[in-house]
Amino acid sequence: MSIDYTLVVQIALFVALWVVLKRLWFDPALRVIRERTARSEGAVREARAIQAEAQRLRAEHAAALDQAKGEAQSEMQEMLRQAEAEQQRLIAEARAEAQRTLTDVRAQVAEEVARARLGLRDSAGEIARIVAQKILGRSA
């Protein structure tokens, strides 16, 4: 195998073709690939940032929800305590009123019994005389 000028021409043509293809094809293709890679990596970073933000917001929401539940629970407990206190107060008032009413009724009954006894004492003599007349069969 002998080396002649055609080899030099082929090498020169190859280098010229390489330079032309590099400028017209390889460099633009590599630039497009680098840009796509950069955009893809940027989109991945942005997606991760959005995902982290969403996770943070979920955690905040869960914490706020737990706090709201706790506040609602404590408010409900306070309302129950107030309702129980009001119920006890109303029951005490009702008992006091019932006791007053019972005392008044007992006093009225005792008063009526005393009046009835007085009425019976007054009429007892008359009744005894009428009974005696009926039993003895004579008039007094």
C-alpha atoms as a PDB file:
ATOM      1  CA  MET A   1       0.000   0.000   0.000  1.00  0.00           C
ATOM      2  CA  SER A   2       1.421   3.195  -1.109  1.00  0.00           C
ATOM      3  CA  ILE A   3       0.474   6.619   0.115  1.00  0.00           C
ATOM      4  CA  ASP A   4      -0.091   9.109  -2.665  1.00  0.00           C
ATOM      5  CA  TYR A   5      -1.700  12.502  -3.017  1.00  0.00           C
ATOM      6  CA  THR A   6      -5.268  11.008  -3.131  1.00  0.00           C
ATOM      7  CA  LEU A   7      -4.970  10.134   0.506  1.00  0.00           C
ATOM      8  CA  VAL A   8      -4.114  13.726   1.301  1.00  0.00           C
ATOM      9  CA  VAL A   9      -7.082  14.879  -0.819  1.00  0.00           C
ATOM     10  CA  GLN A  10      -9.373  12.439   0.968  1.00  0.00           C
ATOM     11  CA  ILE A  11      -8.125  13.647   4.342  1.00  0.00           C
ATOM     12  CA  ALA A  12      -8.618  17.269   3.254  1.00  0.00           C
ATOM     13  CA  LEU A  13     -12.136  16.483   1.964  1.00  0.00           C
ATOM     14  CA  PHE A  14     -12.933  14.651   5.188  1.00  0.00           C
ATOM     15  CA  VAL A  15     -11.715  17.571   7.329  1.00  0.00           C
ATOM     16  CA  ALA A  16     -13.628  20.058   5.117  1.00  0.00           C
ATOM     17  CA  LEU A  17     -16.769  17.908   5.352  1.00  0.00           C
ATOM     18  CA  TRP A  18     -16.247  17.609   9.104  1.00  0.00           C
ATOM     19  CA  VAL A  19     -15.930  21.380   9.519  1.00  0.00           C
ATOM     20  CA  VAL A  20     -19.008  22.049   7.353  1.00  0.00           C
ATOM     21  CA  LEU A  21     -21.084  19.375   9.119  1.00  0.00           C
ATOM     22  CA  LYS A  22     -19.881  20.564  12.500  1.00  0.00           C
ATOM     23  CA  ARG A  23     -20.983  24.136  11.820  1.00  0.00           C
ATOM     24  CA  LEU A  24     -24.177  23.311   9.960  1.00  0.00           C
ATOM     25  CA  TRP A  25     -25.326  20.118  11.667  1.00  0.00           C
ATOM     26  CA  PHE A  26     -23.491  18.989  14.793  1.00  0.00           C
ATOM     27  CA  ASP A  27     -23.218  22.348  16.630  1.00  0.00           C
ATOM     28  CA  PRO A  28     -26.907  23.306  16.098  1.00  0.00           C
ATOM     29  CA  ALA A  29     -28.017  19.775  17.027  1.00  0.00           C
ATOM     30  CA  LEU A  30     -25.867  19.771  20.167  1.00  0.00           C
ATOM     31  CA  ARG A  31     -27.136  23.276  21.064  1.00  0.00           C
ATOM     32  CA  VAL A  32     -30.770  22.080  20.687  1.00  0.00           C
ATOM     33  CA  ILE A  33     -30.010  19.009  22.805  1.00  0.00           C
ATOM     34  CA  ARG A  34     -28.358  21.168  25.506  1.00  0.00           C
ATOM     35  CA  GLU A  35     -31.301  23.600  25.495  1.00  0.00           C
ATOM     36  CA  ARG A  36     -33.806  20.758  25.786  1.00  0.00           C
ATOM     37  CA  THR A  37     -31.791  19.215  28.587  1.00  0.00           C
ATOM     38  CA  ALA A  38     -31.618  22.550  30.407  1.00  0.00           C
ATOM     39  CA  ARG A  39     -35.376  23.095  29.953  1.00  0.00           C
ATOM     40  CA  SER A  40     -36.100  19.546  31.101  1.00  0.00           C
ATOM     41  CA  GLU A  41     -33.893  19.920  34.158  1.00  0.00           C
ATOM     42  CA  GLY A  42     -35.486  23.314  34.868  1.00  0.00           C
ATOM     43  CA  ALA A  43     -38.949  21.805  34.552  1.00  0.00           C
ATOM     44  CA  VAL A  44     -37.951  18.938  36.866  1.00  0.00           C
ATOM     45  CA  ARG A  45     -36.553  21.425  39.424  1.00  0.00           C
ATOM     46  CA  GLU A  46     -39.711  23.510  39.151  1.00  0.00           C
ATOM     47  CA  ALA A  47     -41.901  20.419  39.530  1.00  0.00           C
ATOM     48  CA  ARG A  48     -39.937  19.377  42.636  1.00  0.00           C
ATOM     49  CA  ALA A  49     -40.283  22.905  44.052  1.00  0.00           C
ATOM     50  CA  ILE A  50     -44.032  22.861  43.370  1.00  0.00           C
ATOM     51  CA  GLN A  51     -44.302  19.421  44.943  1.00  0.00           C
ATOM     52  CA  ALA A  52     -42.413  20.596  48.033  1.00  0.00           C
ATOM     53  CA  GLU A  53     -44.641  23.682  48.260  1.00  0.00           C
ATOM     54  CA  ALA A  54     -47.748  21.499  47.927  1.00  0.00           C
ATOM     55  CA  GLN A  55     -46.462  19.224  50.694  1.00  0.00           C
ATOM     56  CA  ARG A  56     -45.786  22.253  52.904  1.00  0.00           C
ATOM     57  CA  LEU A  57     -49.269  23.637  52.206  1.00  0.00           C
ATOM     58  CA  ARG A  58     -50.812  20.225  52.993  1.00  0.00           C
ATOM     59  CA  ALA A  59     -48.948  20.175  56.295  1.00  0.00           C
ATOM     60  CA  GLU A  60     -50.089  23.735  57.098  1.00  0.00           C
ATOM     61  CA  HIS A  61     -53.646  22.826  56.177  1.00  0.00           C
ATOM     62  CA  ALA A  62     -53.554  19.722  58.357  1.00  0.00           C
ATOM     63  CA  ALA A  63     -52.136  21.740  61.265  1.00  0.00           C
ATOM     64  CA  ALA A  64     -54.785  24.446  60.826  1.00  0.00           C
ATOM     65  CA  LEU A  65     -57.487  21.785  60.626  1.00  0.00           C
ATOM     66  CA  ASP A  66     -56.217  20.106  63.796  1.00  0.00           C
ATOM     67  CA  GLN A  67     -56.115  23.481  65.547  1.00  0.00           C
ATOM     68  CA  ALA A  68     -59.649  24.296  64.406  1.00  0.00           C
ATOM     69  CA  LYS A  69     -60.859  20.891  65.605  1.00  0.00           C
ATOM     70  CA  GLY A  70     -59.201  21.457  68.958  1.00  0.00           C
ATOM     71  CA  GLU A  71     -60.742  24.900  69.298  1.00  0.00           C
ATOM     72  CA  ALA A  72     -64.158  23.574  68.297  1.00  0.00           C
ATOM     73  CA  GLN A  73     -63.801  20.733  70.807  1.00  0.00           C
ATOM     74  CA  SER A  74     -62.857  23.122  73.618  1.00  0.00           C
ATOM     75  CA  GLU A  75     -65.704  25.477  72.690  1.00  0.00           C
ATOM     76  CA  MET A  76     -68.099  22.541  72.687  1.00  0.00           C
ATOM     77  CA  GLN A  77     -66.835  21.439  76.102  1.00  0.00           C
ATOM     78  CA  GLU A  78     -67.292  24.989  77.414  1.00  0.00           C
ATOM     79  CA  MET A  79     -70.808  25.124  75.991  1.00  0.00           C
ATOM     80  CA  LEU A  80     -71.601  21.783  77.634  1.00  0.00           C
ATOM     81  CA  ARG A  81     -70.270  23.044  80.971  1.00  0.00           C
ATOM     82  CA  GLN A  82     -72.375  26.181  80.654  1.00  0.00           C
ATOM     83  CA  ALA A  83     -75.449  24.145  79.700  1.00  0.00           C
ATOM     84  CA  GLU A  84     -74.922  21.828  82.675  1.00  0.00           C
ATOM     85  CA  ALA A  85     -74.521  24.809  84.998  1.00  0.00           C
ATOM     86  CA  GLU A  86     -77.676  26.386  83.579  1.00  0.00           C
ATOM     87  CA  GLN A  87     -79.496  23.072  83.960  1.00  0.00           C
ATOM     88  CA  GLN A  88     -78.391  22.783  87.586  1.00  0.00           C
ATOM     89  CA  ARG A  89     -79.468  26.371  88.225  1.00  0.00           C
ATOM     90  CA  LEU A  90     -82.882  25.754  86.654  1.00  0.00           C
ATOM     91  CA  ILE A  91     -83.325  22.532  88.629  1.00  0.00           C
ATOM     92  CA  ALA A  92     -82.406  24.342  91.848  1.00  0.00           C
ATOM     93  CA  GLU A  93     -84.864  27.125  91.054  1.00  0.00           C
ATOM     94  CA  ALA A  94     -87.585  24.581  90.238  1.00  0.00           C
ATOM     95  CA  ARG A  95     -86.911  22.717  93.495  1.00  0.00           C
ATOM     96  CA  ALA A  96     -87.027  25.959  95.477  1.00  0.00           C
ATOM     97  CA  GLU A  97     -90.266  26.953  93.761  1.00  0.00           C
ATOM     98  CA  ALA A  98     -91.737  23.496  94.375  1.00  0.00           C
ATOM     99  CA  GLN A  99     -90.676  23.704  98.021  1.00  0.00           C
ATOM    100  CA  ARG A 100     -92.287  27.145  98.360  1.00  0.00           C
ATOM    101  CA  THR A 101     -95.453  25.902  96.687  1.00  0.00           C
ATOM    102  CA  LEU A 102     -95.506  22.811  98.907  1.00  0.00           C
ATOM    103  CA  THR A 103     -95.029  24.957 102.008  1.00  0.00           C
ATOM    104  CA  ASP A 104     -97.838  27.285 100.896  1.00  0.00           C
ATOM    105  CA  VAL A 105    -100.154  24.357 100.158  1.00  0.00           C
ATOM    106  CA  ARG A 106     -99.372  22.741 103.514  1.00  0.00           C
ATOM    107  CA  ALA A 107    -100.088  26.021 105.267  1.00  0.00           C
ATOM    108  CA  GLN A 108    -103.404  26.372 103.406  1.00  0.00           C
ATOM    109  CA  VAL A 109    -104.368  22.772 104.194  1.00  0.00           C
ATOM    110  CA  ALA A 110    -103.443  23.234 107.860  1.00  0.00           C
ATOM    111  CA  GLU A 111    -105.477  26.444 107.930  1.00  0.00           C
ATOM    112  CA  GLU A 112    -108.481  24.746 106.325  1.00  0.00           C
ATOM    113  CA  VAL A 113    -108.189  21.777 108.712  1.00  0.00           C
ATOM    114  CA  ALA A 114    -108.101  24.194 111.674  1.00  0.00           C
ATOM    115  CA  ARG A 115    -111.177  26.030 110.373  1.00  0.00           C
ATOM    116  CA  ALA A 116    -112.946  22.735 109.767  1.00  0.00           C
ATOM    117  CA  ARG A 117    -112.124  21.599 113.325  1.00  0.00           C
ATOM    118  CA  LEU A 118    -113.436  24.863 114.706  1.00  0.00           C
ATOM    119  CA  GLY A 119    -116.571  24.452 112.643  1.00  0.00           C
ATOM    120  CA  LEU A 120    -116.927  20.872 113.850  1.00  0.00           C
ATOM    121  CA  ARG A 121    -116.433  21.910 117.503  1.00  0.00           C
ATOM    122  CA  ASP A 122    -119.093  24.531 117.139  1.00  0.00           C
ATOM    123  CA  SER A 123    -121.522  22.130 115.568  1.00  0.00           C
ATOM    124  CA  ALA A 124    -120.451  19.066 117.650  1.00  0.00           C
ATOM    125  CA  GLY A 125    -122.779  19.998 120.497  1.00  0.00           C
ATOM    126  CA  GLU A 126    -125.658  20.455 118.105  1.00  0.00           C
ATOM    127  CA  ILE A 127    -124.887  17.178 116.359  1.00  0.00           C
ATOM    128  CA  ALA A 128    -124.628  15.342 119.706  1.00  0.00           C
ATOM    129  CA  ARG A 129    -128.033  16.690 120.742  1.00  0.00           C
ATOM    130  CA  ILE A 130    -129.615  15.622 117.439  1.00  0.00           C
ATOM    131  CA  VAL A 131    -128.028  12.156 117.700  1.00  0.00           C
ATOM    132  CA  ALA A 132    -129.224  11.816 121.307  1.00  0.00           C
ATOM    133  CA  GLN A 133    -132.731  12.766 120.276  1.00  0.00           C
ATOM    134  CA  LYS A 134    -132.729  10.230 117.495  1.00  0.00           C
ATOM    135  CA  ILE A 135    -131.362   7.499 119.745  1.00  0.00           C
ATOM    136  CA  LEU A 136    -133.652   8.268 122.686  1.00  0.00           C
ATOM    137  CA  GLY A 137    -136.571   9.081 120.549  1.00  0.00           C
ATOM    138  CA  ARG A 138    -137.543  12.250 122.330  1.00  0.00           C
ATOM    139  CA  SER A 139    -137.152  15.891 121.682  1.00  0.00           C
ATOM    140  CA  ALA A 140    -135.242  18.101 124.049  1.00  0.00           C
END
